[in-house]
Amino acid sequence: MKRQQIYELLESLYADAIEPESAWQTYQNFYHICTDGDKDTMDYMYNVIDMSATQRLELRRKMAERGFELTPSQLNQYIFLLLLATMDYIDDRRNEYT
């Protein structure tokens, strides 16, 4: 996925879209984790994507304890970027074998 596409998606879905450069760096980092991630890391990432509202609140609390405070919208945007990176990684691997 291209940088501009990612930001256009975020802008269309969120009134308070995160900064374009931050969104792009985050997407790239998540994609890189997919390429290098071990099974436990990948399982955790899939679980984050599938978290309920209560679980997301708990994740925000844990992140805040470590000095990374996010609004609910910001967390949702980062999870959305994680989903995009994961889907793109899967599509790229699938295309390698077709």
PDB file of N, CA and C in Angstrom:
ATOM      1  N   MET A   1       0.851  -1.161   0.000  1.00  0.00           N
ATOM      2  CA  MET A   1       0.000   0.000   0.000  1.00  0.00           C
ATOM      3  C   MET A   1       0.902   1.231   0.000  1.00  0.00           C
ATOM      4  N   LYS A   2       0.453   2.257  -0.663  1.00  0.00           N
ATOM      5  CA  LYS A   2       1.246   3.462  -0.786  1.00  0.00           C
ATOM      6  C   LYS A   2       0.916   4.459   0.312  1.00  0.00           C
ATOM      7  N   ARG A   3       1.894   5.300   0.585  1.00  0.00           N
ATOM      8  CA  ARG A   3       1.781   6.302   1.651  1.00  0.00           C
ATOM      9  C   ARG A   3       0.509   7.135   1.520  1.00  0.00           C
ATOM     10  N   GLN A   4       0.247   7.663   0.335  1.00  0.00           N
ATOM     11  CA  GLN A   4      -0.920   8.528   0.132  1.00  0.00           C
ATOM     12  C   GLN A   4      -2.222   7.755   0.350  1.00  0.00           C
ATOM     13  N   GLN A   5      -2.278   6.513  -0.089  1.00  0.00           N
ATOM     14  CA  GLN A   5      -3.473   5.693   0.113  1.00  0.00           C
ATOM     15  C   GLN A   5      -3.772   5.516   1.596  1.00  0.00           C
ATOM     16  N   ILE A   6      -2.731   5.272   2.360  1.00  0.00           N
ATOM     17  CA  ILE A   6      -2.912   5.066   3.798  1.00  0.00           C
ATOM     18  C   ILE A   6      -3.480   6.321   4.437  1.00  0.00           C
ATOM     19  N   TYR A   7      -2.891   7.456   4.107  1.00  0.00           N
ATOM     20  CA  TYR A   7      -3.366   8.674   4.745  1.00  0.00           C
ATOM     21  C   TYR A   7      -4.786   9.022   4.295  1.00  0.00           C
ATOM     22  N   GLU A   8      -5.094   8.797   3.036  1.00  0.00           N
ATOM     23  CA  GLU A   8      -6.459   9.068   2.562  1.00  0.00           C
ATOM     24  C   GLU A   8      -7.471   8.185   3.286  1.00  0.00           C
ATOM     25  N   LEU A   9      -7.117   6.939   3.523  1.00  0.00           N
ATOM     26  CA  LEU A   9      -8.000   6.057   4.283  1.00  0.00           C
ATOM     27  C   LEU A   9      -8.211   6.588   5.700  1.00  0.00           C
ATOM     28  N   LEU A  10      -7.126   6.945   6.367  1.00  0.00           N
ATOM     29  CA  LEU A  10      -7.244   7.461   7.731  1.00  0.00           C
ATOM     30  C   LEU A  10      -8.077   8.742   7.771  1.00  0.00           C
ATOM     31  N   GLU A  11      -7.826   9.644   6.828  1.00  0.00           N
ATOM     32  CA  GLU A  11      -8.586  10.896   6.796  1.00  0.00           C
ATOM     33  C   GLU A  11     -10.067  10.659   6.544  1.00  0.00           C
ATOM     34  N   SER A  12     -10.382   9.652   5.748  1.00  0.00           N
ATOM     35  CA  SER A  12     -11.791   9.385   5.444  1.00  0.00           C
ATOM     36  C   SER A  12     -12.507   8.691   6.610  1.00  0.00           C
ATOM     37  N   LEU A  13     -11.759   8.017   7.458  1.00  0.00           N
ATOM     38  CA  LEU A  13     -12.365   7.277   8.559  1.00  0.00           C
ATOM     39  C   LEU A  13     -12.317   8.004   9.901  1.00  0.00           C
ATOM     40  N   TYR A  14     -11.348   8.887  10.080  1.00  0.00           N
ATOM     41  CA  TYR A  14     -11.136   9.520  11.386  1.00  0.00           C
ATOM     42  C   TYR A  14     -11.034  11.039  11.242  1.00  0.00           C
ATOM     43  N   ALA A  15     -11.799  11.756  12.037  1.00  0.00           N
ATOM     44  CA  ALA A  15     -11.755  13.222  12.021  1.00  0.00           C
ATOM     45  C   ALA A  15     -10.413  13.740  12.533  1.00  0.00           C
ATOM     46  N   ASP A  16      -9.776  12.953  13.388  1.00  0.00           N
ATOM     47  CA  ASP A  16      -8.496  13.348  13.990  1.00  0.00           C
ATOM     48  C   ASP A  16      -7.368  12.427  13.528  1.00  0.00           C
ATOM     49  N   ALA A  17      -7.257  12.244  12.218  1.00  0.00           N
ATOM     50  CA  ALA A  17      -6.266  11.324  11.667  1.00  0.00           C
ATOM     51  C   ALA A  17      -4.862  11.672  12.158  1.00  0.00           C
ATOM     52  N   ILE A  18      -4.089  10.629  12.443  1.00  0.00           N
ATOM     53  CA  ILE A  18      -2.711  10.844  12.881  1.00  0.00           C
ATOM     54  C   ILE A  18      -1.907  11.421  11.716  1.00  0.00           C
ATOM     55  N   GLU A  19      -0.793  12.017  12.029  1.00  0.00           N
ATOM     56  CA  GLU A  19       0.041  12.677  11.028  1.00  0.00           C
ATOM     57  C   GLU A  19       0.476  11.687   9.940  1.00  0.00           C
ATOM     58  N   PRO A  20       0.516  12.149   8.688  1.00  0.00           N
ATOM     59  CA  PRO A  20       0.865  11.258   7.576  1.00  0.00           C
ATOM     60  C   PRO A  20       2.200  10.538   7.753  1.00  0.00           C
ATOM     61  N   GLU A  21       3.224  11.248   8.204  1.00  0.00           N
ATOM     62  CA  GLU A  21       4.532  10.616   8.345  1.00  0.00           C
ATOM     63  C   GLU A  21       4.517   9.556   9.448  1.00  0.00           C
ATOM     64  N   SER A  22       3.831   9.846  10.521  1.00  0.00           N
ATOM     65  CA  SER A  22       3.705   8.881  11.610  1.00  0.00           C
ATOM     66  C   SER A  22       2.937   7.648  11.144  1.00  0.00           C
ATOM     67  N   ALA A  23       1.870   7.877  10.391  1.00  0.00           N
ATOM     68  CA  ALA A  23       1.074   6.755   9.868  1.00  0.00           C
ATOM     69  C   ALA A  23       1.928   5.882   8.955  1.00  0.00           C
ATOM     70  N   TRP A  24       2.691   6.508   8.065  1.00  0.00           N
ATOM     71  CA  TRP A  24       3.520   5.755   7.123  1.00  0.00           C
ATOM     72  C   TRP A  24       4.610   4.975   7.852  1.00  0.00           C
ATOM     73  N   GLN A  25       5.288   5.614   8.808  1.00  0.00           N
ATOM     74  CA  GLN A  25       6.328   4.926   9.569  1.00  0.00           C
ATOM     75  C   GLN A  25       5.756   3.750  10.351  1.00  0.00           C
ATOM     76  N   THR A  26       4.585   3.953  10.936  1.00  0.00           N
ATOM     77  CA  THR A  26       3.948   2.888  11.702  1.00  0.00           C
ATOM     78  C   THR A  26       3.586   1.716  10.797  1.00  0.00           C
ATOM     79  N   TYR A  27       2.990   2.012   9.651  1.00  0.00           N
ATOM     80  CA  TYR A  27       2.636   0.963   8.690  1.00  0.00           C
ATOM     81  C   TYR A  27       3.890   0.180   8.303  1.00  0.00           C
ATOM     82  N   GLN A  28       4.968   0.892   7.960  1.00  0.00           N
ATOM     83  CA  GLN A  28       6.199   0.210   7.563  1.00  0.00           C
ATOM     84  C   GLN A  28       6.761  -0.644   8.698  1.00  0.00           C
ATOM     85  N   ASN A  29       6.716  -0.121   9.918  1.00  0.00           N
ATOM     86  CA  ASN A  29       7.206  -0.897  11.062  1.00  0.00           C
ATOM     87  C   ASN A  29       6.389  -2.167  11.259  1.00  0.00           C
ATOM     88  N   PHE A  30       5.067  -2.042  11.164  1.00  0.00           N
ATOM     89  CA  PHE A  30       4.223  -3.229  11.308  1.00  0.00           C
ATOM     90  C   PHE A  30       4.490  -4.239  10.192  1.00  0.00           C
ATOM     91  N   TYR A  31       4.656  -3.755   8.969  1.00  0.00           N
ATOM     92  CA  TYR A  31       4.938  -4.656   7.846  1.00  0.00           C
ATOM     93  C   TYR A  31       6.269  -5.376   8.093  1.00  0.00           C
ATOM     94  N   HIS A  32       7.262  -4.638   8.557  1.00  0.00           N
ATOM     95  CA  HIS A  32       8.567  -5.231   8.847  1.00  0.00           C
ATOM     96  C   HIS A  32       8.452  -6.295   9.947  1.00  0.00           C
ATOM     97  N   ILE A  33       7.645  -6.029  10.945  1.00  0.00           N
ATOM     98  CA  ILE A  33       7.426  -7.024  12.011  1.00  0.00           C
ATOM     99  C   ILE A  33       6.811  -8.287  11.417  1.00  0.00           C
ATOM    100  N   CYS A  34       5.909  -8.120  10.467  1.00  0.00           N
ATOM    101  CA  CYS A  34       5.301  -9.285   9.813  1.00  0.00           C
ATOM    102  C   CYS A  34       6.361 -10.114   9.091  1.00  0.00           C
ATOM    103  N   THR A  35       7.292  -9.440   8.427  1.00  0.00           N
ATOM    104  CA  THR A  35       8.299 -10.184   7.668  1.00  0.00           C
ATOM    105  C   THR A  35       9.309 -10.867   8.581  1.00  0.00           C
ATOM    106  N   ASP A  36       9.574 -10.267   9.732  1.00  0.00           N
ATOM    107  CA  ASP A  36      10.588 -10.811  10.636  1.00  0.00           C
ATOM    108  C   ASP A  36      10.019 -11.434  11.901  1.00  0.00           C
ATOM    109  N   GLY A  37       8.710 -11.295  12.104  1.00  0.00           N
ATOM    110  CA  GLY A  37       8.100 -11.711  13.361  1.00  0.00           C
ATOM    111  C   GLY A  37       8.075 -13.213  13.560  1.00  0.00           C
ATOM    112  N   ASP A  38       8.264 -13.606  14.796  1.00  0.00           N
ATOM    113  CA  ASP A  38       8.124 -15.015  15.141  1.00  0.00           C
ATOM    114  C   ASP A  38       6.653 -15.317  15.400  1.00  0.00           C
ATOM    115  N   LYS A  39       6.338 -16.572  15.601  1.00  0.00           N
ATOM    116  CA  LYS A  39       4.950 -16.988  15.774  1.00  0.00           C
ATOM    117  C   LYS A  39       4.280 -16.286  16.951  1.00  0.00           C
ATOM    118  N   ASP A  40       4.961 -16.161  18.077  1.00  0.00           N
ATOM    119  CA  ASP A  40       4.368 -15.508  19.246  1.00  0.00           C
ATOM    120  C   ASP A  40       4.041 -14.040  18.958  1.00  0.00           C
ATOM    121  N   THR A  41       4.946 -13.357  18.279  1.00  0.00           N
ATOM    122  CA  THR A  41       4.708 -11.955  17.928  1.00  0.00           C
ATOM    123  C   THR A  41       3.523 -11.836  16.991  1.00  0.00           C
ATOM    124  N   MET A  42       3.472 -12.693  15.994  1.00  0.00           N
ATOM    125  CA  MET A  42       2.366 -12.648  15.034  1.00  0.00           C
ATOM    126  C   MET A  42       1.040 -12.977  15.725  1.00  0.00           C
ATOM    127  N   ASP A  43       1.042 -13.949  16.606  1.00  0.00           N
ATOM    128  CA  ASP A  43      -0.178 -14.274  17.356  1.00  0.00           C
ATOM    129  C   ASP A  43      -0.647 -13.075  18.172  1.00  0.00           C
ATOM    130  N   TYR A  44       0.297 -12.385  18.811  1.00  0.00           N
ATOM    131  CA  TYR A  44      -0.057 -11.213  19.605  1.00  0.00           C
ATOM    132  C   TYR A  44      -0.663 -10.129  18.708  1.00  0.00           C
ATOM    133  N   MET A  45      -0.050  -9.897  17.561  1.00  0.00           N
ATOM    134  CA  MET A  45      -0.565  -8.876  16.640  1.00  0.00           C
ATOM    135  C   MET A  45      -1.971  -9.216  16.182  1.00  0.00           C
ATOM    136  N   TYR A  46      -2.222 -10.463  15.859  1.00  0.00           N
ATOM    137  CA  TYR A  46      -3.575 -10.865  15.461  1.00  0.00           C
ATOM    138  C   TYR A  46      -4.562 -10.659  16.606  1.00  0.00           C
ATOM    139  N   ASN A  47      -4.122 -10.942  17.821  1.00  0.00           N
ATOM    140  CA  ASN A  47      -4.994 -10.749  18.983  1.00  0.00           C
ATOM    141  C   ASN A  47      -5.303  -9.272  19.207  1.00  0.00           C
ATOM    142  N   VAL A  48      -4.342  -8.398  18.970  1.00  0.00           N
ATOM    143  CA  VAL A  48      -4.579  -6.958  19.103  1.00  0.00           C
ATOM    144  C   VAL A  48      -5.649  -6.513  18.114  1.00  0.00           C
ATOM    145  N   ILE A  49      -5.556  -6.991  16.896  1.00  0.00           N
ATOM    146  CA  ILE A  49      -6.540  -6.630  15.870  1.00  0.00           C
ATOM    147  C   ILE A  49      -7.943  -7.025  16.307  1.00  0.00           C
ATOM    148  N   ASP A  50      -8.045  -8.127  17.013  1.00  0.00           N
ATOM    149  CA  ASP A  50      -9.340  -8.703  17.386  1.00  0.00           C
ATOM    150  C   ASP A  50      -9.815  -8.293  18.787  1.00  0.00           C
ATOM    151  N   MET A  51      -9.179  -7.312  19.410  1.00  0.00           N
ATOM    152  CA  MET A  51      -9.528  -6.932  20.784  1.00  0.00           C
ATOM    153  C   MET A  51     -10.906  -6.281  20.872  1.00  0.00           C
ATOM    154  N   SER A  52     -11.560  -6.560  21.980  1.00  0.00           N
ATOM    155  CA  SER A  52     -12.825  -5.896  22.293  1.00  0.00           C
ATOM    156  C   SER A  52     -12.530  -4.494  22.827  1.00  0.00           C
ATOM    157  N   ALA A  53     -13.565  -3.695  23.006  1.00  0.00           N
ATOM    158  CA  ALA A  53     -13.399  -2.343  23.544  1.00  0.00           C
ATOM    159  C   ALA A  53     -12.766  -2.379  24.934  1.00  0.00           C
ATOM    160  N   THR A  54     -13.170  -3.333  25.762  1.00  0.00           N
ATOM    161  CA  THR A  54     -12.607  -3.464  27.110  1.00  0.00           C
ATOM    162  C   THR A  54     -11.125  -3.822  27.040  1.00  0.00           C
ATOM    163  N   GLN A  55     -10.773  -4.713  26.143  1.00  0.00           N
ATOM    164  CA  GLN A  55      -9.373  -5.102  25.991  1.00  0.00           C
ATOM    165  C   GLN A  55      -8.533  -3.946  25.454  1.00  0.00           C
ATOM    166  N   ARG A  56      -9.105  -3.151  24.559  1.00  0.00           N
ATOM    167  CA  ARG A  56      -8.378  -1.985  24.036  1.00  0.00           C
ATOM    168  C   ARG A  56      -8.136  -0.961  25.143  1.00  0.00           C
ATOM    169  N   LEU A  57      -9.118  -0.780  26.010  1.00  0.00           N
ATOM    170  CA  LEU A  57      -8.952   0.128  27.139  1.00  0.00           C
ATOM    171  C   LEU A  57      -7.811  -0.346  28.038  1.00  0.00           C
ATOM    172  N   GLU A  58      -7.757  -1.627  28.292  1.00  0.00           N
ATOM    173  CA  GLU A  58      -6.677  -2.199  29.102  1.00  0.00           C
ATOM    174  C   GLU A  58      -5.326  -2.010  28.407  1.00  0.00           C
ATOM    175  N   LEU A  59      -5.279  -2.199  27.103  1.00  0.00           N
ATOM    176  CA  LEU A  59      -4.041  -1.981  26.353  1.00  0.00           C
ATOM    177  C   LEU A  59      -3.604  -0.521  26.463  1.00  0.00           C
ATOM    178  N   ARG A  60      -4.544   0.411  26.325  1.00  0.00           N
ATOM    179  CA  ARG A  60      -4.227   1.837  26.467  1.00  0.00           C
ATOM    180  C   ARG A  60      -3.665   2.130  27.852  1.00  0.00           C
ATOM    181  N   ARG A  61      -4.246   1.519  28.872  1.00  0.00           N
ATOM    182  CA  ARG A  61      -3.767   1.722  30.241  1.00  0.00           C
ATOM    183  C   ARG A  61      -2.331   1.225  30.389  1.00  0.00           C
ATOM    184  N   LYS A  62      -2.054   0.032  29.866  1.00  0.00           N
ATOM    185  CA  LYS A  62      -0.704  -0.528  29.956  1.00  0.00           C
ATOM    186  C   LYS A  62       0.299   0.330  29.193  1.00  0.00           C
ATOM    187  N   MET A  63      -0.107   0.831  28.044  1.00  0.00           N
ATOM    188  CA  MET A  63       0.780   1.691  27.264  1.00  0.00           C
ATOM    189  C   MET A  63       1.048   2.997  28.004  1.00  0.00           C
ATOM    190  N   ALA A  64       0.023   3.554  28.624  1.00  0.00           N
ATOM    191  CA  ALA A  64       0.180   4.803  29.379  1.00  0.00           C
ATOM    192  C   ALA A  64       1.147   4.609  30.543  1.00  0.00           C
ATOM    193  N   GLU A  65       1.091   3.455  31.177  1.00  0.00           N
ATOM    194  CA  GLU A  65       2.023   3.164  32.269  1.00  0.00           C
ATOM    195  C   GLU A  65       3.467   3.169  31.787  1.00  0.00           C
ATOM    196  N   ARG A  66       3.657   2.893  30.516  1.00  0.00           N
ATOM    197  CA  ARG A  66       5.006   2.881  29.930  1.00  0.00           C
ATOM    198  C   ARG A  66       5.340   4.214  29.258  1.00  0.00           C
ATOM    199  N   GLY A  67       4.447   5.208  29.409  1.00  0.00           N
ATOM    200  CA  GLY A  67       4.726   6.542  28.885  1.00  0.00           C
ATOM    201  C   GLY A  67       4.188   6.831  27.495  1.00  0.00           C
ATOM    202  N   PHE A  68       3.359   5.956  26.949  1.00  0.00           N
ATOM    203  CA  PHE A  68       2.797   6.145  25.619  1.00  0.00           C
ATOM    204  C   PHE A  68       1.284   6.332  25.729  1.00  0.00           C
ATOM    205  N   GLU A  69       0.872   7.578  25.892  1.00  0.00           N
ATOM    206  CA  GLU A  69      -0.556   7.844  26.054  1.00  0.00           C
ATOM    207  C   GLU A  69      -1.201   8.080  24.696  1.00  0.00           C
ATOM    208  N   LEU A  70      -2.269   7.341  24.433  1.00  0.00           N
ATOM    209  CA  LEU A  70      -3.022   7.460  23.183  1.00  0.00           C
ATOM    210  C   LEU A  70      -4.491   7.681  23.494  1.00  0.00           C
ATOM    211  N   THR A  71      -5.149   8.433  22.629  1.00  0.00           N
ATOM    212  CA  THR A  71      -6.599   8.546  22.730  1.00  0.00           C
ATOM    213  C   THR A  71      -7.195   7.256  22.169  1.00  0.00           C
ATOM    214  N   PRO A  72      -8.462   6.991  22.451  1.00  0.00           N
ATOM    215  CA  PRO A  72      -9.087   5.806  21.845  1.00  0.00           C
ATOM    216  C   PRO A  72      -9.005   5.836  20.311  1.00  0.00           C
ATOM    217  N   SER A  73      -9.192   7.004  19.728  1.00  0.00           N
ATOM    218  CA  SER A  73      -9.117   7.120  18.272  1.00  0.00           C
ATOM    219  C   SER A  73      -7.713   6.813  17.760  1.00  0.00           C
ATOM    220  N   GLN A  74      -6.702   7.319  18.426  1.00  0.00           N
ATOM    221  CA  GLN A  74      -5.330   7.037  18.003  1.00  0.00           C
ATOM    222  C   GLN A  74      -5.035   5.544  18.069  1.00  0.00           C
ATOM    223  N   LEU A  75      -5.438   4.904  19.156  1.00  0.00           N
ATOM    224  CA  LEU A  75      -5.220   3.466  19.267  1.00  0.00           C
ATOM    225  C   LEU A  75      -5.937   2.732  18.139  1.00  0.00           C
ATOM    226  N   ASN A  76      -7.166   3.113  17.859  1.00  0.00           N
ATOM    227  CA  ASN A  76      -7.904   2.482  16.761  1.00  0.00           C
ATOM    228  C   ASN A  76      -7.191   2.674  15.426  1.00  0.00           C
ATOM    229  N   GLN A  77      -6.625   3.849  15.210  1.00  0.00           N
ATOM    230  CA  GLN A  77      -5.901   4.096  13.966  1.00  0.00           C
ATOM    231  C   GLN A  77      -4.654   3.235  13.864  1.00  0.00           C
ATOM    232  N   TYR A  78      -3.930   3.089  14.967  1.00  0.00           N
ATOM    233  CA  TYR A  78      -2.745   2.235  14.950  1.00  0.00           C
ATOM    234  C   TYR A  78      -3.126   0.773  14.739  1.00  0.00           C
ATOM    235  N   ILE A  79      -4.217   0.353  15.311  1.00  0.00           N
ATOM    236  CA  ILE A  79      -4.688  -1.022  15.088  1.00  0.00           C
ATOM    237  C   ILE A  79      -5.122  -1.190  13.631  1.00  0.00           C
ATOM    238  N   PHE A  80      -5.756  -0.164  13.070  1.00  0.00           N
ATOM    239  CA  PHE A  80      -6.126  -0.199  11.657  1.00  0.00           C
ATOM    240  C   PHE A  80      -4.876  -0.327  10.776  1.00  0.00           C
ATOM    241  N   LEU A  81      -3.821   0.417  11.108  1.00  0.00           N
ATOM    242  CA  LEU A  81      -2.571   0.314  10.348  1.00  0.00           C
ATOM    243  C   LEU A  81      -1.957  -1.079  10.497  1.00  0.00           C
ATOM    244  N   LEU A  82      -2.061  -1.650  11.672  1.00  0.00           N
ATOM    245  CA  LEU A  82      -1.596  -3.014  11.889  1.00  0.00           C
ATOM    246  C   LEU A  82      -2.367  -3.986  10.998  1.00  0.00           C
ATOM    247  N   LEU A  83      -3.666  -3.807  10.924  1.00  0.00           N
ATOM    248  CA  LEU A  83      -4.492  -4.654  10.065  1.00  0.00           C
ATOM    249  C   LEU A  83      -4.090  -4.504   8.602  1.00  0.00           C
ATOM    250  N   LEU A  84      -3.909  -3.268   8.136  1.00  0.00           N
ATOM    251  CA  LEU A  84      -3.498  -3.036   6.748  1.00  0.00           C
ATOM    252  C   LEU A  84      -2.156  -3.693   6.445  1.00  0.00           C
ATOM    253  N   ALA A  85      -1.194  -3.511   7.327  1.00  0.00           N
ATOM    254  CA  ALA A  85       0.137  -4.086   7.111  1.00  0.00           C
ATOM    255  C   ALA A  85       0.068  -5.611   7.082  1.00  0.00           C
ATOM    256  N   THR A  86      -0.704  -6.181   7.982  1.00  0.00           N
ATOM    257  CA  THR A  86      -0.847  -7.636   8.024  1.00  0.00           C
ATOM    258  C   THR A  86      -1.506  -8.159   6.758  1.00  0.00           C
ATOM    259  N   MET A  87      -2.568  -7.491   6.333  1.00  0.00           N
ATOM    260  CA  MET A  87      -3.256  -7.915   5.100  1.00  0.00           C
ATOM    261  C   MET A  87      -2.336  -7.787   3.885  1.00  0.00           C
ATOM    262  N   ASP A  88      -1.593  -6.690   3.803  1.00  0.00           N
ATOM    263  CA  ASP A  88      -0.672  -6.508   2.682  1.00  0.00           C
ATOM    264  C   ASP A  88       0.431  -7.558   2.697  1.00  0.00           C
ATOM    265  N   TYR A  89       0.933  -7.869   3.861  1.00  0.00           N
ATOM    266  CA  TYR A  89       1.961  -8.903   3.977  1.00  0.00           C
ATOM    267  C   TYR A  89       1.419 -10.249   3.484  1.00  0.00           C
ATOM    268  N   ILE A  90       0.225 -10.606   3.906  1.00  0.00           N
ATOM    269  CA  ILE A  90      -0.384 -11.868   3.476  1.00  0.00           C
ATOM    270  C   ILE A  90      -0.597 -11.877   1.967  1.00  0.00           C
ATOM    271  N   ASP A  91      -1.108 -10.765   1.426  1.00  0.00           N
ATOM    272  CA  ASP A  91      -1.310 -10.671  -0.025  1.00  0.00           C
ATOM    273  C   ASP A  91       0.011 -10.788  -0.780  1.00  0.00           C
ATOM    274  N   ASP A  92       1.045 -10.130  -0.288  1.00  0.00           N
ATOM    275  CA  ASP A  92       2.352 -10.192  -0.943  1.00  0.00           C
ATOM    276  C   ASP A  92       2.901 -11.613  -0.940  1.00  0.00           C
ATOM    277  N   ARG A  93       2.753 -12.324   0.168  1.00  0.00           N
ATOM    278  CA  ARG A  93       3.236 -13.710   0.228  1.00  0.00           C
ATOM    279  C   ARG A  93       2.426 -14.604  -0.715  1.00  0.00           C
ATOM    280  N   ARG A  94       1.116 -14.378  -0.751  1.00  0.00           N
ATOM    281  CA  ARG A  94       0.253 -15.161  -1.633  1.00  0.00           C
ATOM    282  C   ARG A  94       0.652 -14.940  -3.096  1.00  0.00           C
ATOM    283  N   ASN A  95       0.951 -13.706  -3.454  1.00  0.00           N
ATOM    284  CA  ASN A  95       1.312 -13.381  -4.836  1.00  0.00           C
ATOM    285  C   ASN A  95       2.656 -13.980  -5.229  1.00  0.00           C
ATOM    286  N   GLU A  96       3.509 -14.230  -4.258  1.00  0.00           N
ATOM    287  CA  GLU A  96       4.783 -14.869  -4.554  1.00  0.00           C
ATOM    288  C   GLU A  96       4.606 -16.298  -5.070  1.00  0.00           C
ATOM    289  N   TYR A  97       3.507 -16.911  -4.666  1.00  0.00           N
ATOM    290  CA  TYR A  97       3.297 -18.321  -5.008  1.00  0.00           C
ATOM    291  C   TYR A  97       2.279 -18.533  -6.124  1.00  0.00           C
ATOM    292  N   THR A  98       1.808 -17.447  -6.710  1.00  0.00           N
ATOM    293  CA  THR A  98       0.845 -17.606  -7.812  1.00  0.00           C
ATOM    294  C   THR A  98       1.409 -17.144  -9.111  1.00  0.00           C
TER     295      THR A  98
END
